[in-house]
Protein backbone atom coordinates (compact mmCIF):
# COMPACT_ATOMS: atom_id res chain seq x y z
CA MET A 1 89.79 182.12 29.78
CA SER A 2 93.13 182.80 28.16
CA ARG A 3 94.16 184.85 31.18
CA VAL A 4 93.41 181.93 33.52
CA HIS A 5 95.59 179.59 31.44
CA ASP A 6 98.40 182.13 31.40
CA ALA A 7 98.29 182.44 35.23
CA LEU A 8 98.38 178.64 35.76
CA ARG A 9 101.31 178.23 33.34
CA LYS A 10 103.25 180.98 35.11
CA ALA A 11 102.63 179.41 38.55
CA GLY A 12 103.88 176.03 37.29
CA GLN A 13 107.10 177.58 36.14
CA GLU A 14 107.82 179.33 39.51
CA ASN A 15 106.90 176.62 42.10
CA PRO A 16 109.72 174.14 41.33
CA ALA A 17 112.29 176.89 41.75
CA LYS A 18 110.90 177.77 45.17
CA ALA A 19 110.86 174.14 46.19
CA ASN A 20 114.52 173.65 45.24
CA VAL A 21 115.54 176.59 47.36
CA ALA A 22 113.68 175.35 50.46
CA ARG A 23 114.74 171.57 50.24
CA PRO A 24 118.25 170.65 51.40
CA PRO A 25 120.46 168.80 48.94
CA ARG A 26 120.20 164.93 48.98
CA PRO A 27 123.30 162.92 49.70
CA PRO A 28 124.43 160.44 47.05
CA ALA A 29 122.81 157.03 47.24
CA SER A 30 126.16 155.32 47.77
CA ALA A 31 127.27 157.45 50.70
CA PRO A 32 127.18 155.62 54.09
CA PRO A 33 125.06 157.02 56.90
CA PRO A 34 126.94 159.22 59.34
CA PRO A 35 128.40 157.32 62.36
CA ALA A 36 126.44 157.43 65.55
CA ALA A 37 128.05 159.37 68.33
CA LEU A 38 129.47 157.31 71.21
CA PRO A 39 127.41 157.67 74.37
CA THR A 40 128.95 159.88 76.96
CA GLU A 41 126.30 159.25 79.60
CA PRO A 42 126.02 156.15 81.80
CA LEU A 43 124.22 153.24 80.15
CA ALA A 44 122.02 152.77 83.18
CA ALA A 45 121.08 154.96 86.03
CA GLY A 46 123.58 154.69 88.89
CA LEU A 47 126.18 152.74 86.85
CA PRO A 48 129.30 154.64 85.76
CA ALA A 49 130.66 154.17 82.25
CA GLU A 50 133.44 151.51 82.09
CA PRO A 51 136.88 152.99 81.36
CA LEU A 52 138.54 151.96 78.11
CA ALA A 53 141.52 150.37 79.91
CA ALA A 54 139.20 148.17 81.95
CA VAL A 55 137.39 147.04 78.79
CA GLN A 56 140.69 146.13 77.08
CA GLU A 57 141.87 144.16 80.11
CA ARG A 58 138.58 142.28 80.33
CA VAL A 59 138.66 141.39 76.65
CA ALA A 60 142.29 140.23 76.90
CA THR A 61 141.43 137.99 79.85
CA ALA A 62 138.46 136.52 78.02
CA THR A 63 140.62 135.87 74.96
CA LEU A 64 143.22 134.03 77.05
CA ALA A 65 140.56 131.91 78.70
CA SER A 66 138.98 131.00 75.37
CA ASP A 67 142.34 130.25 73.75
CA PRO A 68 144.43 128.20 76.18
CA TYR A 69 146.98 127.29 73.52
CA GLY A 70 147.86 130.95 73.12
CA GLY A 71 149.81 130.76 76.38
CA LEU A 72 152.24 128.25 74.84
CA GLU A 73 153.94 130.98 72.82
CA ASN A 74 155.92 131.80 75.97
CA LEU A 75 156.13 128.24 77.28
CA GLU A 76 159.78 128.46 78.32
CA ALA A 77 159.11 131.64 80.27
CA CYS A 78 156.21 129.91 82.04
CA ILE A 79 158.48 127.03 83.00
CA GLN A 80 161.23 129.31 84.25
CA SER A 81 158.79 131.27 86.42
CA ALA A 82 156.82 128.28 87.71
CA ARG A 83 155.61 128.51 91.29
CA GLN A 84 157.76 126.55 93.72
CA ILE A 85 156.25 124.12 96.19
CA PRO A 86 158.02 122.26 99.02
CA PHE A 87 158.81 118.57 98.72
CA ASN A 88 156.36 117.27 101.29
CA PRO A 89 155.16 113.85 100.11
CA LEU A 90 152.58 111.73 101.84
CA GLY A 91 154.17 109.64 104.57
CA ASP A 92 153.04 106.23 103.26
CA ALA A 93 153.47 107.04 99.56
CA LEU A 94 156.81 105.15 99.41
CA LEU A 95 158.46 107.80 97.26
CA VAL A 96 162.16 107.78 96.50
CA HIS A 97 163.84 110.29 98.80
CA PRO A 98 166.88 112.12 97.34
CA ASN A 99 168.61 112.20 100.74
CA LYS A 100 168.12 108.46 101.34
CA PRO A 101 169.40 106.79 98.16
CA ARG A 102 169.74 103.31 99.68
CA GLU A 103 166.17 102.96 100.81
CA ALA A 104 163.87 100.75 98.80
CA PRO A 105 162.78 101.06 96.06
CA ALA A 106 165.38 103.61 94.91
CA GLU A 107 167.80 101.15 93.33
CA GLU A 108 165.17 99.48 91.17
CA PHE A 109 163.97 102.81 89.81
CA ARG A 110 167.53 103.86 89.10
CA SER A 111 167.88 100.69 87.02
CA LEU A 112 164.68 101.56 85.17
CA ARG A 113 165.97 105.09 84.64
CA THR A 114 169.23 103.79 83.16
CA ARG A 115 167.42 101.56 80.67
CA LEU A 116 165.08 104.34 79.56
CA ASN A 117 167.91 106.83 79.16
CA HIS A 118 169.78 104.32 77.03
CA MET A 119 166.72 103.82 74.84
CA GLN A 120 166.48 107.59 74.49
CA THR A 121 169.91 107.65 72.85
CA ILE A 122 168.80 105.34 70.05
CA GLN A 123 165.25 106.58 69.42
CA PRO A 124 163.23 109.78 69.93
CA LEU A 125 161.76 109.25 73.38
CA HIS A 126 160.56 112.13 75.54
CA THR A 127 156.86 111.61 76.35
CA LEU A 128 155.99 108.50 78.31
CA VAL A 129 152.64 107.03 79.42
CA VAL A 130 152.67 104.93 82.60
CA THR A 131 149.55 102.79 82.88
CA SER A 132 148.25 99.40 83.98
CA ALA A 133 145.65 96.88 82.97
CA SER A 134 143.49 97.28 86.10
CA PRO A 135 143.32 99.59 89.13
CA ALA A 136 145.53 99.21 92.22
CA GLU A 137 148.53 97.75 90.38
CA GLY A 138 150.97 100.60 91.15
CA LYS A 139 150.98 102.78 88.04
CA SER A 140 150.86 106.08 89.97
CA PHE A 141 153.51 104.79 92.37
CA THR A 142 155.72 103.92 89.39
CA ALA A 143 155.11 107.20 87.55
CA ALA A 144 155.92 109.36 90.58
CA ASN A 145 159.08 107.46 91.52
CA LEU A 146 160.33 107.33 87.94
CA ALA A 147 159.86 111.10 87.66
CA LEU A 148 161.69 111.69 90.94
CA THR A 149 164.55 109.42 89.93
CA GLN A 150 164.95 111.04 86.52
CA ALA A 151 164.92 114.52 88.10
CA GLN A 152 167.85 113.56 90.32
CA LEU A 153 170.12 113.78 87.29
CA ALA A 154 171.46 117.32 87.07
CA GLU A 155 171.02 117.65 83.31
CA HIS A 156 167.45 116.37 83.23
CA ARG A 157 164.28 118.47 83.45
CA VAL A 158 161.24 116.29 84.16
CA LEU A 159 157.50 116.94 84.12
CA LEU A 160 154.99 114.65 85.85
CA VAL A 161 151.40 115.17 84.65
CA ASP A 162 148.32 113.58 86.20
CA PHE A 163 146.10 112.60 83.27
CA ASP A 164 143.99 110.27 85.39
CA PHE A 165 141.00 112.60 85.59
CA ARG A 166 138.82 109.79 86.95
CA ARG A 167 140.95 108.95 89.99
CA PRO A 168 143.72 111.57 90.38
CA THR A 169 146.68 110.81 92.64
CA VAL A 170 149.53 113.29 92.12
CA ASP A 171 147.93 115.96 94.30
CA LYS A 172 147.49 113.49 97.17
CA VAL A 173 150.98 112.02 96.91
CA PHE A 174 152.69 115.43 96.92
CA GLN A 175 150.04 117.03 99.18
CA ILE A 176 149.30 120.00 96.93
CA PRO A 177 146.00 121.51 95.66
CA ILE A 178 144.38 119.58 92.85
CA ALA A 179 143.29 122.73 90.98
CA PRO A 180 144.06 124.50 88.83
CA GLY A 181 145.31 121.59 86.80
CA MET A 182 145.17 119.92 83.42
CA THR A 183 141.38 119.86 83.10
CA ASN A 184 141.29 123.59 83.77
CA TYR A 185 143.90 124.20 81.10
CA LEU A 186 142.14 122.06 78.49
CA GLN A 187 138.83 123.78 79.21
CA GLY A 188 140.43 127.20 78.80
CA THR A 189 139.84 128.41 82.35
CA ALA A 190 143.54 128.50 83.28
CA SER A 191 146.77 129.25 81.45
CA PHE A 192 149.82 127.01 81.41
CA SER A 193 151.61 129.22 83.92
CA ASP A 194 148.66 128.73 86.30
CA VAL A 195 148.88 124.93 86.34
CA ILE A 196 152.61 124.14 86.36
CA ARG A 197 154.51 123.90 89.67
CA ARG A 198 158.13 123.21 90.53
CA VAL A 199 159.18 121.00 93.45
CA GLY A 200 161.58 123.22 95.41
CA ASP A 201 164.67 124.06 93.38
CA SER A 202 164.83 120.58 91.84
CA ASN A 203 164.39 119.56 88.21
CA LEU A 204 160.94 118.09 88.86
CA TYR A 205 157.79 119.90 87.70
CA LEU A 206 154.19 118.86 88.38
CA ILE A 207 150.77 119.38 86.82
CA THR A 208 147.83 118.01 88.77
CA ALA A 209 144.61 116.66 87.29
CA GLY A 210 142.49 119.74 88.00
CA ASP A 211 138.80 120.10 88.78
CA PRO A 212 136.58 117.03 88.21
CA VAL A 213 134.95 116.72 84.79
CA THR A 214 132.16 114.55 83.47
CA ASN A 215 133.75 113.98 80.05
CA PRO A 216 137.45 113.09 80.46
CA LEU A 217 137.77 111.38 77.09
CA GLU A 218 136.25 114.34 75.23
CA LEU A 219 138.82 116.64 76.84
CA LEU A 220 141.67 114.40 75.71
CA ASN A 221 140.31 114.50 72.15
CA LEU A 222 140.71 118.28 71.98
CA LYS A 223 143.43 119.46 69.63
CA GLU A 224 144.92 121.50 72.49
CA CYS A 225 145.86 118.28 74.28
CA ALA A 226 147.89 116.87 71.40
CA SER A 227 149.41 120.29 70.71
CA LEU A 228 150.52 120.65 74.32
CA LEU A 229 152.17 117.22 74.45
CA ALA A 230 153.95 117.88 71.17
CA GLU A 231 155.25 121.22 72.42
CA LEU A 232 156.41 119.89 75.79
CA ARG A 233 158.78 117.44 74.11
CA SER A 234 161.15 120.27 73.22
CA HIS A 235 161.19 121.76 76.72
CA PHE A 236 161.58 118.68 78.96
CA ASP A 237 163.89 115.70 78.82
CA TRP A 238 161.05 113.54 80.13
CA VAL A 239 157.30 114.13 80.26
CA ILE A 240 155.73 111.32 82.30
CA LEU A 241 151.95 110.86 82.17
CA ASP A 242 149.96 109.00 84.81
CA SER A 243 146.92 107.64 82.95
CA PRO A 244 143.85 105.55 83.88
CA PRO A 245 143.95 101.73 83.61
CA LEU A 246 143.61 100.47 80.06
CA LEU A 247 140.80 97.96 80.63
CA PHE A 248 138.58 100.39 82.55
CA ALA A 249 138.79 103.51 80.37
CA ALA A 250 139.91 104.43 76.87
CA ASP A 251 141.91 107.44 78.11
CA GLY A 252 145.20 105.55 78.33
CA ASN A 253 144.86 104.14 74.81
CA LEU A 254 144.29 107.64 73.40
CA LEU A 255 147.20 109.14 75.33
CA ALA A 256 149.47 106.34 74.10
CA THR A 257 148.86 107.44 70.50
CA MET A 258 150.07 110.97 71.38
CA CYS A 259 153.24 109.90 73.21
CA ASP A 260 156.55 108.27 72.30
CA GLY A 261 156.26 105.22 74.52
CA THR A 262 154.18 103.31 77.07
CA ILE A 263 155.14 101.39 80.20
CA LEU A 264 152.71 98.80 81.53
CA VAL A 265 152.74 98.14 85.29
CA VAL A 266 151.68 94.72 86.59
CA ARG A 267 151.41 93.56 90.18
CA ILE A 268 152.59 90.19 91.42
CA GLY A 269 149.70 88.08 92.66
CA THR A 270 147.07 90.44 91.25
CA THR A 271 147.47 90.95 87.53
CA THR A 272 146.36 88.00 85.42
CA PHE A 273 147.92 86.87 82.17
CA ASP A 274 144.62 87.45 80.38
CA SER A 275 144.39 91.08 81.53
CA VAL A 276 147.97 91.76 80.42
CA SER A 277 147.25 90.25 77.01
CA ARG A 278 144.10 92.32 76.56
CA ALA A 279 145.88 95.48 77.70
CA LEU A 280 148.69 94.95 75.20
CA GLN A 281 146.17 94.27 72.44
CA SER A 282 144.36 97.52 73.24
CA LEU A 283 147.67 99.36 72.73
CA CYS A 284 148.24 97.51 69.44
CA GLU A 285 151.73 96.77 70.84
CA ASN A 286 153.14 99.63 68.78
CA ASN A 287 154.94 101.76 71.35
CA VAL A 288 155.09 99.51 74.42
CA LEU A 289 158.58 99.93 75.86
CA GLY A 290 158.29 97.27 78.53
CA ILE A 291 156.55 95.96 81.64
CA VAL A 292 157.33 96.94 85.24
CA VAL A 293 156.65 94.20 87.77
CA ASN A 294 155.39 95.64 91.05
CA GLY A 295 154.70 94.12 94.46
CA ALA A 296 157.90 92.11 95.03
CA ARG A 297 158.97 91.50 98.61
CA ARG A 298 161.72 93.75 99.85
CA GLY A 299 163.76 90.89 101.26
CA GLU A 300 163.83 89.15 97.89
CA LEU A 301 165.11 92.24 96.10
CA TYR A 302 167.47 93.81 98.59
CA SER A 303 169.10 91.12 100.75
CA LYS A 304 172.12 90.74 98.47
CA TYR A 305 172.12 94.46 97.65
CA ASN A 306 172.45 95.25 101.36
CA TYR A 307 175.11 92.56 101.77
CA TYR A 308 177.17 94.22 99.03
CA HIS A 309 176.99 97.66 100.66
CA ASP A 310 177.36 96.36 104.21
CA TYR A 311 180.55 94.50 103.28
CA TYR A 312 182.26 97.56 101.82
CA THR A 313 180.93 99.85 104.54
CA TYR A 314 181.84 97.76 107.58
CA GLY A 315 184.15 94.98 106.35
CA SER A 316 187.36 96.97 105.84
CA GLU A 317 186.97 98.66 109.24
CA ALA A 318 186.34 95.39 111.04
CA GLY A 319 189.20 93.34 109.69
CA ASP A 320 187.32 92.38 106.53
CA LYS A 321 184.77 90.57 108.60
CA GLU A 322 181.79 89.65 106.50
CA GLU A 323 178.44 90.80 107.75
CA PRO A 324 175.43 88.49 107.48
CA ASP A 325 172.67 89.26 105.04
CA LYS A 326 170.22 91.85 106.35
CA GLU A 327 166.71 91.62 105.09
CA LEU A 328 164.48 94.65 105.06
CA GLU A 329 160.87 94.60 106.06
CA THR A 330 158.87 91.98 104.19
CA ASP A 331 155.97 94.17 103.16
CA THR A 332 155.34 94.85 99.51
CA VAL A 333 156.92 97.71 97.64
CA ALA A 334 153.73 99.06 96.13
CA SER A 335 151.10 101.72 96.34
CA ASN A 336 147.55 101.90 95.09
CA SER A 337 147.41 103.62 91.72
């Protein structure tokens, strides 16, 4: 029996040593697992592996689309390289033509321009909302002509933006594609350089409304909208926004809080005193710069203006013979907003 016990004790002393020789050493508990090798074969049969450069380009594009504000870091470069479009306005849009300065309604918009530029010298005024109480009062007509008139000054750089996502007009007036535009920028599907356009070699720049959206007010509430308007102030002398009517949508009221001033357009024979009062109350009357009266008859505005120019154009060459007053056509100087 003692020999059996001696054999078992001897076997117990030898087996652990043999086991330690055969078992590989254990890594420390804190050591991380070894990294998995990158696949070198196609991920699916028949599909080649995507090159690294293509992956980086795709990720960069996705990042730009998801972060539209990132494009504003080079805003001035985007403005300088903006795509040029010809000045080809709609025939019946009644836009001020730079080569025909005496045609209506150029003189009235030059007067409006002078007053606004004077106000700009005494208060910070660069972003301007042009709106109305109700539709079809001429707000888009006023915004486009004011932008054109301001851009005629050599030292002014002007941007006209169509923020009326419900009934856009700028693309129709200037006969350009509606997209990409502001809605595309705010949704992150287009960069700023994609949406801005320059009218010929003039000082006028345009941004259309963009693709239709079902939630215009939610887009305007995005922080990118306020950030863009704040940034544009330092790159343009005037940023003019065409917004929806105040009594039919809250868009104009929200835009007015982001801008330096608001102009309210009313139409003779259409706008009621009650609608004007309610529109001003909706703006809290904080940054209302004034009211533009639209729809006056051309003869009433321009008969004496034409007499003044006709006298100095023809009078001295005809023995100072006074010319009779010449009335222009008696249709209204207006356009549906």
